[in-house]
Amino acid sequence: MVALLLTALLALTLSSCSSGSDSSAAPTDLCAPPGVGAATAAPTNLDAAAGAGAEDRYTTATVTPVDRIDTSKLNLIKPGVITVGTLGDAPPSICVNSENQYTGYDNELLKAVADKLGLKVEFVGTEFAGLLAQVAGRRFDVGSSSITTTDDRRNTVGFTNGYDFGYFSLVVPNGSPITGFGDLDASKRIGVVQGTVQDDYVVNTLKLDPVKFPDYATAYANLKSGQIDAWVAPSQQAEGAIAPGDPTSIIQNTFSVNNFVGWAVNKENQPLIDALNSGLDAVIDDGTWSQLYADWVPRQLPEGWKPGSKAAATPELPDFAAIAAENAANGDGGDTASYQPKSTLEQLKDTFFDWDLYKKAFPDLLKTGLPNTLILALASGIIGTILGMLLAVAGISRTRWLRWPARVYTDIFRGLPAVVIILIIGLGVGPIVKGITGSNPYWLGVAALSLLASAYIGEIFRSGIQSVESGQLEASRALGFSYRKSMSLVVIPQGVRRVLPALMNQFISLIKDSSLIYFLGLLVTQRELFAVGRDLNAQTGSLSPLVAAGLFYLALTIPLTHLVNYIDNRLRTGRADTSGTLDPLEQAIVVERG
C-alpha cells in the first residue's frame, strides 16, 4: 500500500512537471561560485541615513605575523583541528553543495586561513538560532555563518576582524506600495530569519514586530506566495534567492561600516581570535582573499571598507562596477524585465513538484537521511520504553520517595518543548561528557529524545496498568502471590497489552522529532531526512527536496499507522471464532445422519 501511495505521488509529480520539460534546465546549484561574470556594482538605492556617522571601532590596528603564531596554544577542542559550526541554508556564503560538502565563500576563506596556520577544519551543521551559544559554550571553536557583528553579540562571543561587509536588502513583491525602509510600519508583515542581525534591526531599530522564519528559503517562499509583505535579508542571500521571472525585487539597501562580517569565537579564547586575524591578513596579502571573493561574491566594495586589520593591504579586485555595467548593456545582468512572470501554477510546480530535484534528492535521502532517522528513532524508542516502564512502576508505587520524583520528572519533560530539552542536554551535558562523546552530539541527541519519550511512555504505561481491574490484583494475592509478583506477572502484562497502540503512536512521533537533533550540530553524514531535504532546499531554492523528504516520512509512518489500527482492532475484537465452523467432511456426516 505504501509503495502504491509513493508511486501515485511520484506519478503525479512527474505529470505536473512533464508539461514544462522542454524549457526546464538542470537544477541550479546555488551553492557554487558564480564567478566574476556575475559581478554587481554598489547599489544605487542605498539608505544612506542608516549608516550615517558609523565608525569602525573594533578592527585591530595590526596583527601578529602568521609565522609567529603558536598553534599549540589556541585552546582548540581537537588539537590541530578547528571545529566550525556552520549552516547549510544561506548560499553563496555558507551552504552544502551537490557533493554534500560544507562550502560557500565564508567557509572556503576559513579553510584558506586555517591552511596558512597549518590547521585542518571540520565543519558541523547547526541552526543559526543556537550557533553563538554553542560557540560560547565551546561546542565549536568557530562560528562561520556570515555573522554580522553587533554590540549585543559581542556580549556573548568574540569576533575576528571583518572578512566581508553586509548590506541589508529590502525585498518586496513587484508593484508593492513599499518603496523603502521608511514605508515599513506595524500594518506590514515583515519577514526575517530568527536570530539574525536583520531580526535585531527590525525589532530594535525600526521598532516593529516581524514574522520570524527558521531559514532564508522559507522566508523567501512566503514572500513569493504573498504571506508576507516584505523581507529584510542579507543582500547576498536576497540576490541569490531571486531567480529570473520571480515577481519580487530589491528596492533598498542599508550599510554600516561598524557592523562588518566576522567569524565568532569564544570570548575567552583570544589566542584563536588573534591567529585567525593573522591568517586573514596573510590570505589578503597573497591574493587568496581577492580570488575567493571574486569567485563567490563578486560585489563592488563600499566606500570606506576593506577586509582584515587596518594594516592589511587593500585587495586588488576586478572592476566589478564596469563588469556589471557591461552585463547590463548586453542585456545580461539579472534584468528581470525581459523575463515573463510565472503563473501561480508554474510557481507551485517549481516550488513543490520539480521532478529533477526529486531525482536529485532521493539518493541522499535514502543513503544518509533514512538510516540516521531510523537509528535515532529506534534507539530512543527502545531506551525510552525501558525508562518509561520504570517511571510507570515508580509512579504507582506505594512509596512516595519513588512516586513523587517520577511525577516531577514526568511533569517537567512533558511540559518543556522538545527542542528545549534537546538543547539543554546537548549544550548543558555535552561539555561534561565530551571526553566520552568526543564532542559528537549525535548520541546526546538520542539521550535527549529518550528522556523526552520516557515521560510520555511512562504515562501511557501507568494509565494502562491502572486500567486493569483491581480484582485481578486481589485474585492473584488470594492465590498466594506477593504484591511484587502480582504486579509483574498479572497486572503489568495486561496493562502493557492494552496500550500497545498508544506506544506505536509515540514511536511515530519519535520518527518526526528526530529532525530536531540538527539543532545540536551534525556532520554531513549524520543528517536525518529533514536535514538532508532542507540542505537541498537551500542549495536549489525549491521546496521540492522537502516534499521528497516528506514522502520518506510517509513511507515510515503510514505502515506503522495501519499496524496500530490492526493491533487495536485485534485487542478489541480478538480472533475470529472458528470453533463452530465444520469442515466439508464433518458437514457431510452431519447431513447424512440427519
Protein backbone atom coordinates (compact mmCIF):
# COMPACT_ATOMS: atom_id res chain seq x y z
CA MET A 1 0.00 0.00 0.00
CA VAL A 2 2.83 2.38 0.86
CA ALA A 3 4.58 1.55 -2.39
CA LEU A 4 1.33 2.28 -4.22
CA LEU A 5 1.00 5.64 -2.47
CA LEU A 6 4.57 6.64 -3.25
CA THR A 7 4.14 5.54 -6.87
CA ALA A 8 0.98 7.62 -7.18
CA LEU A 9 2.64 10.69 -5.68
CA LEU A 10 5.68 10.35 -7.90
CA ALA A 11 3.49 9.85 -10.95
CA LEU A 12 1.56 12.99 -10.05
CA THR A 13 4.82 14.87 -9.65
CA LEU A 14 6.15 13.60 -12.95
CA SER A 15 3.00 14.53 -14.81
CA SER A 16 2.96 18.00 -13.23
CA CYS A 17 6.50 18.59 -14.41
CA SER A 18 6.33 16.98 -17.84
CA SER A 19 4.46 19.86 -19.39
CA GLY A 20 7.42 22.15 -18.78
CA SER A 21 10.14 19.69 -19.60
CA ASP A 22 11.04 21.41 -22.85
CA SER A 23 12.13 24.54 -21.09
CA SER A 24 13.42 23.07 -17.88
CA ALA A 25 17.12 23.01 -17.23
CA ALA A 26 19.19 21.02 -14.79
CA PRO A 27 18.63 22.10 -11.18
CA THR A 28 20.63 25.21 -10.33
CA ASP A 29 23.26 24.75 -7.63
CA LEU A 30 23.07 27.96 -5.63
CA CYS A 31 25.97 26.64 -3.56
CA ALA A 32 28.51 27.10 -6.36
CA PRO A 33 30.76 30.09 -7.12
CA PRO A 34 29.01 32.28 -9.71
CA GLY A 35 32.33 33.76 -10.91
CA VAL A 36 33.40 37.25 -11.90
CA GLY A 37 30.84 37.34 -14.69
CA ALA A 38 28.10 37.71 -12.09
CA ALA A 39 29.63 40.92 -10.71
CA THR A 40 27.37 43.56 -9.22
CA ALA A 41 28.02 47.24 -8.62
CA ALA A 42 27.40 49.05 -5.37
CA PRO A 43 23.66 49.61 -5.00
CA THR A 44 22.31 52.98 -6.04
CA ASN A 45 19.25 52.54 -3.82
CA LEU A 46 21.29 52.78 -0.61
CA ASP A 47 19.62 54.15 2.50
CA ALA A 48 22.49 56.44 3.46
CA ALA A 49 20.80 57.56 6.68
CA ALA A 50 21.07 54.07 8.16
CA GLY A 51 24.89 54.13 8.25
CA ALA A 52 25.42 57.84 8.74
CA GLY A 53 28.10 58.63 11.28
CA ALA A 54 29.11 54.98 11.71
CA GLU A 55 32.64 54.34 12.89
CA ASP A 56 34.65 51.11 12.82
CA ARG A 57 35.58 50.70 16.48
CA TYR A 58 36.67 47.07 16.51
CA THR A 59 39.08 46.32 13.66
CA THR A 60 42.59 45.77 15.05
CA ALA A 61 45.38 48.14 14.03
CA THR A 62 47.80 45.32 13.22
CA VAL A 63 48.21 41.56 13.63
CA THR A 64 50.93 39.17 14.70
CA PRO A 65 52.80 37.74 11.68
CA VAL A 66 51.34 34.35 10.86
CA ASP A 67 54.71 32.57 11.20
CA ARG A 68 54.89 33.64 14.84
CA ILE A 69 51.56 32.05 15.83
CA ASP A 70 51.94 29.08 18.20
CA THR A 71 49.08 26.80 17.15
CA SER A 72 49.58 24.59 20.21
CA LYS A 73 48.20 27.38 22.40
CA LEU A 74 44.94 28.04 20.54
CA ASN A 75 42.78 26.02 23.00
CA LEU A 76 41.18 24.01 20.21
CA ILE A 77 38.61 21.33 21.03
CA LYS A 78 40.62 18.88 18.91
CA PRO A 79 44.36 19.56 18.64
CA GLY A 80 45.29 20.62 15.15
CA VAL A 81 41.65 20.90 14.04
CA ILE A 82 39.33 23.91 14.02
CA THR A 83 35.82 22.65 14.72
CA VAL A 84 33.45 25.00 12.90
CA GLY A 85 29.73 25.40 13.39
CA THR A 86 28.09 26.49 10.15
CA LEU A 87 24.81 26.41 8.22
CA GLY A 88 23.68 24.79 5.02
CA ASP A 89 20.91 27.22 4.06
CA ALA A 90 22.48 30.55 3.06
CA PRO A 91 24.27 30.29 -0.29
CA PRO A 92 26.64 31.57 -1.53
CA SER A 93 28.07 32.41 1.90
CA ILE A 94 27.50 29.13 3.77
CA CYS A 95 25.87 26.06 2.30
CA VAL A 96 26.08 22.37 1.38
CA ASN A 97 26.97 21.77 -2.26
CA SER A 98 25.94 18.99 -4.64
CA GLU A 99 28.83 16.83 -3.38
CA ASN A 100 27.47 17.07 0.19
CA GLN A 101 30.31 19.25 1.41
CA TYR A 102 30.00 22.36 3.55
CA THR A 103 31.33 25.19 1.44
CA GLY A 104 30.50 28.76 0.42
CA TYR A 105 32.58 31.91 0.48
CA ASP A 106 32.84 32.13 4.28
CA ASN A 107 33.89 28.51 4.69
CA GLU A 108 36.30 28.39 1.75
CA LEU A 109 38.01 31.51 3.08
CA LEU A 110 38.21 29.96 6.56
CA LYS A 111 39.84 26.85 5.07
CA ALA A 112 42.44 29.08 3.38
CA VAL A 113 43.12 30.87 6.68
CA ALA A 114 43.46 27.53 8.50
CA ASP A 115 45.86 26.35 5.83
CA LYS A 116 48.07 29.37 6.50
CA LEU A 117 48.13 28.33 10.16
CA GLY A 118 48.82 24.68 9.37
CA LEU A 119 45.46 23.56 10.78
CA LYS A 120 42.63 21.38 9.48
CA VAL A 121 38.95 22.34 9.51
CA GLU A 122 35.95 20.20 10.44
CA PHE A 123 32.55 21.67 9.54
CA VAL A 124 29.44 20.76 11.53
CA GLY A 125 25.93 21.84 10.54
CA THR A 126 23.67 23.55 13.06
CA GLU A 127 20.93 26.19 13.39
CA PHE A 128 21.77 29.90 13.48
CA ALA A 129 19.49 30.45 16.49
CA GLY A 130 21.83 28.37 18.68
CA LEU A 131 25.15 28.95 16.92
CA LEU A 132 26.53 31.77 19.09
CA ALA A 133 25.53 29.95 22.28
CA GLN A 134 27.31 26.84 21.01
CA VAL A 135 30.45 28.84 20.28
CA ALA A 136 30.28 30.45 23.72
CA GLY A 137 29.84 27.01 25.30
CA ARG A 138 32.85 25.58 23.41
CA ARG A 139 30.75 23.19 21.33
CA PHE A 140 32.53 24.80 18.37
CA ASP A 141 35.83 26.61 18.13
CA VAL A 142 34.48 28.96 15.46
CA GLY A 143 31.08 30.02 14.16
CA SER A 144 31.06 30.62 10.39
CA SER A 145 27.73 31.91 9.17
CA SER A 146 28.18 35.32 7.57
CA ILE A 147 27.71 36.75 11.07
CA THR A 148 27.32 40.50 11.22
CA THR A 149 28.99 41.84 14.36
CA THR A 150 26.91 43.83 16.81
CA ASP A 151 27.48 45.11 20.34
CA ASP A 152 24.87 42.69 21.71
CA ARG A 153 26.56 39.72 20.05
CA ARG A 154 29.93 40.80 21.41
CA ASN A 155 28.48 40.30 24.89
CA THR A 156 28.17 36.59 24.03
CA VAL A 157 31.16 35.83 21.79
CA GLY A 158 34.30 37.41 20.42
CA PHE A 159 34.81 38.24 16.74
CA THR A 160 37.67 38.32 14.30
CA ASN A 161 38.37 41.25 12.02
CA GLY A 162 35.99 41.60 9.11
CA TYR A 163 36.34 39.46 6.01
CA ASP A 164 33.15 40.73 4.37
CA PHE A 165 30.64 43.54 4.63
CA GLY A 166 26.89 43.25 4.57
CA TYR A 167 24.05 45.22 3.10
CA PHE A 168 20.55 44.72 4.44
CA SER A 169 18.24 44.34 1.47
CA LEU A 170 14.54 45.12 1.49
CA VAL A 171 12.77 42.70 -0.86
CA VAL A 172 9.12 43.20 -1.83
CA PRO A 173 6.72 41.86 -4.47
CA ASN A 174 6.76 43.76 -7.75
CA GLY A 175 4.19 46.56 -7.71
CA SER A 176 4.24 46.80 -3.90
CA PRO A 177 3.42 50.22 -2.40
CA ILE A 178 6.50 49.78 -0.20
CA THR A 179 9.35 51.81 -1.75
CA GLY A 180 11.90 51.79 1.08
CA PHE A 181 12.57 51.05 4.74
CA GLY A 182 10.72 54.23 5.62
CA ASP A 183 7.45 52.72 4.41
CA LEU A 184 7.58 49.83 6.86
CA ASP A 185 5.13 50.13 9.71
CA ALA A 186 3.07 47.98 12.07
CA SER A 187 0.47 47.24 9.37
CA LYS A 188 3.06 45.40 7.24
CA ARG A 189 4.05 41.76 7.66
CA ILE A 190 7.85 41.90 7.56
CA GLY A 191 9.75 38.62 7.28
CA VAL A 192 13.17 37.98 8.85
CA VAL A 193 15.20 34.93 9.78
CA GLN A 194 15.08 34.43 13.53
CA GLY A 195 18.19 35.43 15.46
CA THR A 196 19.83 37.31 12.59
CA VAL A 197 21.00 40.90 12.64
CA GLN A 198 18.09 41.69 10.32
CA ASP A 199 15.77 40.43 13.05
CA ASP A 200 17.52 42.76 15.50
CA TYR A 201 17.33 45.65 13.03
CA VAL A 202 13.57 45.35 12.51
CA VAL A 203 12.85 44.91 16.22
CA ASN A 204 15.25 47.39 17.82
CA THR A 205 15.89 49.96 15.09
CA LEU A 206 12.57 50.04 13.25
CA LYS A 207 10.65 49.16 16.45
CA LEU A 208 8.42 46.72 14.58
CA ASP A 209 7.27 43.16 15.22
CA PRO A 210 8.48 40.92 12.34
CA VAL A 211 7.37 37.49 11.19
CA LYS A 212 10.27 35.18 12.06
CA PHE A 213 11.32 32.19 9.95
CA PRO A 214 13.89 29.43 10.59
CA ASP A 215 15.79 29.87 7.30
CA TYR A 216 16.14 32.10 4.24
CA ALA A 217 14.49 29.74 1.75
CA THR A 218 11.30 29.55 3.83
CA ALA A 219 11.20 33.32 4.29
CA TYR A 220 11.53 33.94 0.55
CA ALA A 221 8.94 31.28 -0.29
CA ASN A 222 6.48 33.10 1.98
CA LEU A 223 7.22 36.40 0.25
CA LYS A 224 6.58 34.90 -3.20
CA SER A 225 3.34 33.31 -2.03
CA GLY A 226 2.09 36.62 -0.57
CA GLN A 227 2.13 35.52 3.08
CA ILE A 228 4.37 38.47 4.00
CA ASP A 229 4.61 41.99 2.56
CA ALA A 230 8.40 42.42 2.72
CA TRP A 231 11.56 40.52 3.53
CA VAL A 232 14.60 42.10 5.22
CA ALA A 233 17.56 39.91 4.29
CA PRO A 234 21.33 39.92 3.79
CA SER A 235 21.99 41.25 0.31
CA GLN A 236 23.88 38.13 -0.80
CA GLN A 237 21.06 35.80 0.17
CA ALA A 238 18.47 38.13 -1.34
CA GLU A 239 20.29 38.41 -4.66
CA GLY A 240 20.91 34.67 -4.76
CA ALA A 241 17.29 33.81 -3.97
CA ILE A 242 15.63 35.97 -6.63
CA ALA A 243 15.53 33.94 -9.84
CA PRO A 244 14.69 35.30 -13.30
CA GLY A 245 10.93 35.62 -13.61
CA ASP A 246 10.30 35.86 -9.87
CA PRO A 247 7.70 38.51 -9.01
CA THR A 248 9.97 40.21 -6.46
CA SER A 249 12.77 42.78 -6.38
CA ILE A 250 15.21 44.52 -4.04
CA ILE A 251 14.10 48.11 -3.58
CA GLN A 252 16.55 49.43 -0.98
CA ASN A 253 19.73 48.51 0.93
CA THR A 254 21.44 49.69 4.10
CA PHE A 255 25.07 49.50 5.17
CA SER A 256 27.12 50.29 8.27
CA VAL A 257 30.93 50.12 8.28
CA ASN A 258 30.90 49.34 12.00
CA ASN A 259 28.95 46.10 11.60
CA PHE A 260 31.23 44.03 9.40
CA VAL A 261 31.03 40.26 8.93
CA GLY A 262 33.44 38.17 11.02
CA TRP A 263 33.95 34.70 12.48
CA ALA A 264 32.65 34.14 16.01
CA VAL A 265 35.00 32.70 18.64
CA ASN A 266 34.69 32.11 22.38
CA LYS A 267 35.38 35.42 24.13
CA GLU A 268 37.98 33.86 26.40
CA ASN A 269 39.95 32.37 23.52
CA GLN A 270 41.86 35.46 22.43
CA PRO A 271 44.79 33.39 21.06
CA LEU A 272 42.48 31.82 18.46
CA ILE A 273 40.98 35.21 17.54
CA ASP A 274 44.48 36.61 17.07
CA ALA A 275 45.54 33.59 14.99
CA LEU A 276 42.54 33.89 12.67
CA ASN A 277 43.19 37.62 12.27
CA SER A 278 46.80 36.84 11.33
CA GLY A 279 45.72 34.20 8.83
CA LEU A 280 43.13 36.56 7.34
CA ASP A 281 45.74 39.25 6.72
CA ALA A 282 48.02 36.60 5.19
CA VAL A 283 45.40 35.46 2.64
CA ILE A 284 44.63 39.09 1.82
CA ASP A 285 48.31 39.82 1.19
CA ASP A 286 48.87 36.82 -1.11
CA GLY A 287 45.72 37.44 -3.18
CA THR A 288 43.71 34.42 -1.94
CA TRP A 289 41.02 36.64 -0.43
CA SER A 290 40.62 38.53 -3.73
CA GLN A 291 40.35 35.28 -5.72
CA LEU A 292 37.73 33.74 -3.43
CA TYR A 293 35.81 36.99 -3.18
CA ALA A 294 35.73 37.43 -6.97
CA ASP A 295 34.64 33.82 -7.49
CA TRP A 296 31.96 33.59 -4.80
CA VAL A 297 30.62 37.09 -4.03
CA PRO A 298 31.79 39.47 -6.79
CA ARG A 299 30.44 42.79 -5.48
CA GLN A 300 31.86 46.27 -5.54
CA LEU A 301 33.26 47.17 -2.12
CA PRO A 302 31.51 50.02 -0.32
CA GLU A 303 33.43 53.21 0.18
CA GLY A 304 35.47 53.21 3.37
CA TRP A 305 35.63 49.44 3.91
CA LYS A 306 38.32 46.82 3.33
CA PRO A 307 38.88 43.36 4.87
CA GLY A 308 41.38 42.39 7.57
CA SER A 309 43.24 44.60 10.01
CA LYS A 310 43.78 48.30 9.41
CA ALA A 311 47.37 47.47 8.40
CA ALA A 312 46.34 44.89 5.79
CA ALA A 313 46.91 45.75 2.16
CA THR A 314 43.96 46.97 0.13
CA PRO A 315 43.00 43.97 -2.03
CA GLU A 316 43.23 44.22 -5.79
CA LEU A 317 39.92 43.32 -7.35
CA PRO A 318 38.41 43.40 -10.83
CA ASP A 319 36.35 46.45 -11.71
CA PHE A 320 33.05 44.93 -10.65
CA ALA A 321 31.14 48.13 -11.45
CA ALA A 322 32.40 48.08 -15.06
CA ILE A 323 31.63 44.36 -15.46
CA ALA A 324 28.13 44.89 -14.08
CA ALA A 325 27.58 47.82 -16.43
CA GLU A 326 28.76 45.75 -19.39
CA ASN A 327 26.42 42.92 -18.43
CA ALA A 328 23.54 45.36 -18.20
CA ALA A 329 24.42 46.84 -21.62
CA ASN A 330 24.43 43.34 -23.12
CA GLY A 331 21.10 42.54 -21.53
CA ASP A 332 22.67 40.03 -19.16
CA GLY A 333 22.97 41.34 -15.57
CA GLY A 334 19.99 39.86 -13.92
CA ASP A 335 17.48 42.21 -15.53
CA THR A 336 14.20 40.50 -14.83
CA ALA A 337 12.23 42.82 -17.07
CA SER A 338 12.96 40.59 -20.08
CA TYR A 339 11.51 37.54 -18.32
CA GLN A 340 7.85 36.65 -18.48
CA PRO A 341 6.41 36.48 -14.95
CA LYS A 342 5.46 32.96 -13.91
CA SER A 343 1.88 32.00 -13.31
CA THR A 344 0.77 30.79 -9.89
CA LEU A 345 0.63 27.19 -11.12
CA GLU A 346 4.15 27.45 -12.56
CA GLN A 347 5.43 28.83 -9.27
CA LEU A 348 3.76 25.99 -7.36
CA LYS A 349 5.24 23.44 -9.75
CA ASP A 350 8.74 24.89 -9.45
CA THR A 351 8.44 25.19 -5.68
CA PHE A 352 6.95 21.83 -4.76
CA PHE A 353 6.95 19.47 -7.78
CA ASP A 354 10.28 19.72 -9.56
CA TRP A 355 10.90 16.17 -10.78
CA ASP A 356 14.62 16.79 -11.42
CA LEU A 357 15.06 17.79 -7.80
CA TYR A 358 13.12 14.74 -6.62
CA LYS A 359 15.56 12.53 -8.52
CA LYS A 360 18.47 14.51 -7.09
CA ALA A 361 17.18 14.28 -3.51
CA PHE A 362 16.26 10.59 -3.35
CA PRO A 363 19.83 9.13 -3.27
CA ASP A 364 20.92 11.31 -0.32
CA LEU A 365 17.62 10.79 1.47
CA LEU A 366 17.99 7.02 1.06
CA LYS A 367 21.71 6.71 1.86
CA THR A 368 22.06 9.32 4.60
CA GLY A 369 18.71 10.61 5.84
CA LEU A 370 16.77 7.36 6.19
CA PRO A 371 19.41 5.36 8.14
CA ASN A 372 20.01 8.22 10.59
CA THR A 373 16.30 8.76 11.14
CA LEU A 374 15.81 5.06 11.85
CA ILE A 375 18.81 4.93 14.20
CA LEU A 376 17.62 7.97 16.15
CA ALA A 377 14.02 6.75 16.38
CA LEU A 378 14.76 3.10 17.21
CA ALA A 379 17.49 3.81 19.76
CA SER A 380 15.48 6.48 21.57
CA GLY A 381 12.31 4.36 21.32
CA ILE A 382 13.93 1.35 22.99
CA ILE A 383 15.64 3.37 25.73
CA GLY A 384 12.53 5.49 26.25
CA THR A 385 10.36 2.39 26.63
CA ILE A 386 12.63 0.92 29.31
CA LEU A 387 12.81 4.20 31.22
CA GLY A 388 9.07 4.72 30.74
CA MET A 389 8.25 1.38 32.32
CA LEU A 390 10.42 2.24 35.32
CA LEU A 391 8.67 5.62 35.60
CA ALA A 392 5.25 3.97 35.42
CA VAL A 393 6.08 1.49 38.17
CA ALA A 394 7.54 4.27 40.30
CA GLY A 395 4.52 6.45 39.60
CA ILE A 396 2.08 3.91 41.05
CA SER A 397 4.39 2.82 43.84
CA ARG A 398 3.15 2.89 47.41
CA THR A 399 6.43 4.58 48.37
CA ARG A 400 6.23 8.33 48.00
CA TRP A 401 10.02 8.60 47.57
CA LEU A 402 9.57 6.76 44.30
CA ARG A 403 6.18 8.20 43.34
CA TRP A 404 6.96 11.91 43.78
CA PRO A 405 10.24 12.03 41.79
CA ALA A 406 8.53 10.12 38.97
CA ARG A 407 5.69 12.63 38.87
CA VAL A 408 8.07 15.64 38.93
CA TYR A 409 10.19 14.13 36.14
CA THR A 410 7.11 13.44 34.03
CA ASP A 411 5.69 16.93 34.52
CA ILE A 412 8.97 18.62 33.58
CA PHE A 413 9.76 16.57 30.49
CA ARG A 414 6.18 16.63 29.21
CA GLY A 415 5.86 20.35 29.87
CA LEU A 416 9.01 21.56 28.10
CA PRO A 417 9.19 21.86 24.30
CA ALA A 418 11.21 19.08 22.70
CA VAL A 419 13.78 21.47 21.23
CA VAL A 420 14.47 22.98 24.67
CA ILE A 421 15.16 19.55 26.13
CA ILE A 422 17.45 18.70 23.22
CA LEU A 423 19.42 21.95 23.63
CA ILE A 424 19.69 21.54 27.41
CA ILE A 425 21.02 18.01 27.08
CA GLY A 426 23.25 18.77 24.11
CA LEU A 427 24.70 22.08 25.29
CA GLY A 428 24.47 21.53 29.04
CA VAL A 429 25.59 17.92 29.38
CA GLY A 430 27.72 17.89 26.22
CA PRO A 431 30.76 19.74 27.67
CA ILE A 432 30.70 17.48 30.76
CA VAL A 433 30.81 14.21 28.79
CA LYS A 434 32.86 15.39 25.81
CA GLY A 435 35.63 13.03 26.88
CA ILE A 436 33.22 10.15 26.22
CA THR A 437 31.37 11.51 23.19
CA GLY A 438 34.37 13.18 21.58
CA SER A 439 32.25 16.35 21.28
CA ASN A 440 29.95 14.44 18.92
CA PRO A 441 26.36 15.28 19.93
CA TYR A 442 24.72 12.50 17.90
CA TRP A 443 24.21 10.19 20.86
CA LEU A 444 23.39 13.10 23.15
CA GLY A 445 20.50 13.69 20.75
CA VAL A 446 19.44 10.08 21.25
CA ALA A 447 19.63 10.60 25.00
CA ALA A 448 17.50 13.75 24.81
CA LEU A 449 14.85 12.03 22.67
CA SER A 450 14.89 9.05 25.04
CA LEU A 451 14.30 11.21 28.11
CA LEU A 452 11.54 13.06 26.31
CA ALA A 453 9.88 9.85 25.12
CA SER A 454 10.15 8.17 28.52
CA ALA A 455 7.94 10.83 30.12
CA TYR A 456 5.14 10.17 27.64
CA ILE A 457 5.64 6.40 27.54
CA GLY A 458 5.65 6.27 31.34
CA GLU A 459 2.23 7.92 31.41
CA ILE A 460 0.98 5.51 28.74
CA PHE A 461 2.14 2.52 30.79
CA ARG A 462 0.75 3.97 34.01
CA SER A 463 -2.69 4.53 32.55
CA GLY A 464 -2.67 1.03 31.07
CA ILE A 465 -1.65 -0.61 34.34
CA GLN A 466 -4.19 1.34 36.35
CA SER A 467 -6.93 0.40 33.88
CA VAL A 468 -6.59 -3.26 34.88
CA GLU A 469 -9.44 -4.21 37.21
CA SER A 470 -8.47 -4.22 40.87
CA GLY A 471 -9.93 -7.69 41.16
CA GLN A 472 -7.01 -9.03 39.12
CA LEU A 473 -4.57 -7.94 41.80
CA GLU A 474 -6.80 -9.15 44.60
CA ALA A 475 -7.27 -12.55 42.97
CA SER A 476 -3.56 -13.07 42.48
CA ARG A 477 -2.88 -12.06 46.09
CA ALA A 478 -5.55 -14.54 47.21
CA LEU A 479 -3.67 -17.26 45.32
CA GLY A 480 -0.58 -16.52 47.39
CA PHE A 481 1.36 -14.19 45.08
CA SER A 482 3.27 -11.35 46.69
CA TYR A 483 2.43 -7.78 45.67
CA ARG A 484 5.55 -7.58 43.50
CA LYS A 485 4.84 -10.86 41.72
CA SER A 486 1.18 -9.96 41.28
CA MET A 487 2.16 -6.73 39.59
CA SER A 488 4.93 -8.19 37.42
CA LEU A 489 3.12 -11.40 36.37
CA VAL A 490 -0.55 -10.41 36.30
CA VAL A 491 -1.30 -6.68 36.26
CA ILE A 492 1.56 -5.14 34.27
CA PRO A 493 1.39 -7.63 31.33
CA GLN A 494 -2.33 -6.89 30.91
CA GLY A 495 -1.74 -3.15 31.15
CA VAL A 496 1.04 -3.21 28.56
CA ARG A 497 -1.10 -5.19 26.15
CA ARG A 498 -3.84 -2.57 26.35
CA VAL A 499 -1.55 0.34 25.48
CA LEU A 500 0.36 -1.14 22.53
CA PRO A 501 -1.46 1.13 20.01
CA ALA A 502 -0.59 4.22 22.04
CA LEU A 503 3.05 3.09 22.23
CA MET A 504 3.18 2.75 18.45
CA ASN A 505 1.79 6.27 18.07
CA GLN A 506 4.55 7.53 20.35
CA PHE A 507 7.15 5.85 18.16
CA ILE A 508 5.69 7.61 15.12
CA SER A 509 6.15 10.91 16.96
CA LEU A 510 9.77 9.99 17.67
CA ILE A 511 10.41 9.48 13.96
CA LYS A 512 9.32 13.05 13.31
CA ASP A 513 11.00 14.53 16.41
CA SER A 514 14.35 13.13 15.23
CA SER A 515 14.58 16.15 12.90
CA LEU A 516 15.20 18.41 15.93
CA ILE A 517 18.59 16.82 16.59
CA TYR A 518 20.00 19.12 13.89
CA PHE A 519 19.98 21.94 16.47
CA LEU A 520 22.93 20.29 18.23
CA GLY A 521 25.18 20.35 15.17
CA LEU A 522 25.77 17.31 12.96
CA LEU A 523 28.27 16.25 10.36
CA VAL A 524 27.01 15.84 6.80
CA THR A 525 26.99 12.06 7.28
CA GLN A 526 24.81 12.37 10.39
CA ARG A 527 21.92 14.31 8.86
CA GLU A 528 18.44 12.79 9.11
CA LEU A 529 15.70 13.05 6.50
CA PHE A 530 14.55 16.58 7.21
CA ALA A 531 18.11 17.97 7.39
CA VAL A 532 19.01 16.40 4.04
CA GLY A 533 15.88 17.83 2.44
CA ARG A 534 16.43 21.25 3.94
CA ASP A 535 20.05 21.48 2.78
CA LEU A 536 18.98 20.60 -0.76
CA ASN A 537 16.18 23.14 -0.43
CA ALA A 538 18.73 25.86 0.36
CA GLN A 539 21.04 24.65 -2.40
CA THR A 540 18.34 24.83 -5.08
CA GLY A 541 15.89 27.43 -3.78
CA SER A 542 12.99 24.96 -4.21
CA LEU A 543 10.89 23.21 -1.58
CA SER A 544 10.72 20.05 -3.71
CA PRO A 545 13.51 18.32 -1.71
CA LEU A 546 11.49 18.84 1.46
CA VAL A 547 8.45 17.28 -0.22
CA ALA A 548 10.70 14.37 -1.23
CA ALA A 549 11.76 14.01 2.41
CA GLY A 550 8.08 14.05 3.33
CA LEU A 551 7.49 11.02 1.09
CA PHE A 552 10.06 9.09 3.10
CA TYR A 553 8.34 10.07 6.33
CA LEU A 554 5.09 8.79 4.85
CA ALA A 555 6.78 5.53 3.88
CA LEU A 556 7.77 5.09 7.53
CA THR A 557 4.66 6.32 9.31
CA ILE A 558 1.79 5.00 7.17
CA PRO A 559 2.65 1.29 7.72
CA LEU A 560 3.02 1.97 11.45
CA THR A 561 -0.33 3.75 11.49
CA HIS A 562 -2.05 0.78 9.89
CA LEU A 563 -0.21 -1.57 12.24
CA VAL A 564 -1.59 0.45 15.17
CA ASN A 565 -5.10 0.13 13.76
CA TYR A 566 -4.67 -3.62 13.25
CA ILE A 567 -3.36 -4.17 16.78
CA ASP A 568 -6.11 -2.03 18.25
CA ASN A 569 -8.78 -3.96 16.33
CA ARG A 570 -7.34 -7.33 17.37
CA LEU A 571 -7.17 -6.32 21.02
CA ARG A 572 -10.77 -5.13 20.95
CA THR A 573 -12.32 -7.98 18.99
CA GLY A 574 -9.87 -10.88 19.40
CA ARG A 575 -9.52 -13.70 16.93
CA ALA A 576 -12.49 -14.72 14.83
CA ASP A 577 -14.37 -17.58 16.46
CA THR A 578 -13.97 -20.62 14.21
CA SER A 579 -14.88 -23.23 16.80
CA GLY A 580 -18.39 -23.68 15.37
CA THR A 581 -17.29 -24.00 11.76
CA LEU A 582 -17.27 -27.54 10.30
CA ASP A 583 -15.02 -28.70 7.53
CA PRO A 584 -16.74 -30.27 4.44
CA LEU A 585 -16.33 -33.90 5.66
CA GLU A 586 -17.84 -33.12 9.05
CA GLN A 587 -20.67 -31.22 7.36
CA ALA A 588 -21.38 -34.25 5.09
CA ILE A 589 -21.53 -36.59 8.09
CA VAL A 590 -23.94 -34.28 9.89
CA VAL A 591 -26.18 -34.09 6.82
CA GLU A 592 -26.12 -37.89 6.31
CA ARG A 593 -27.03 -38.53 9.93
CA GLY A 594 -29.78 -36.00 9.68
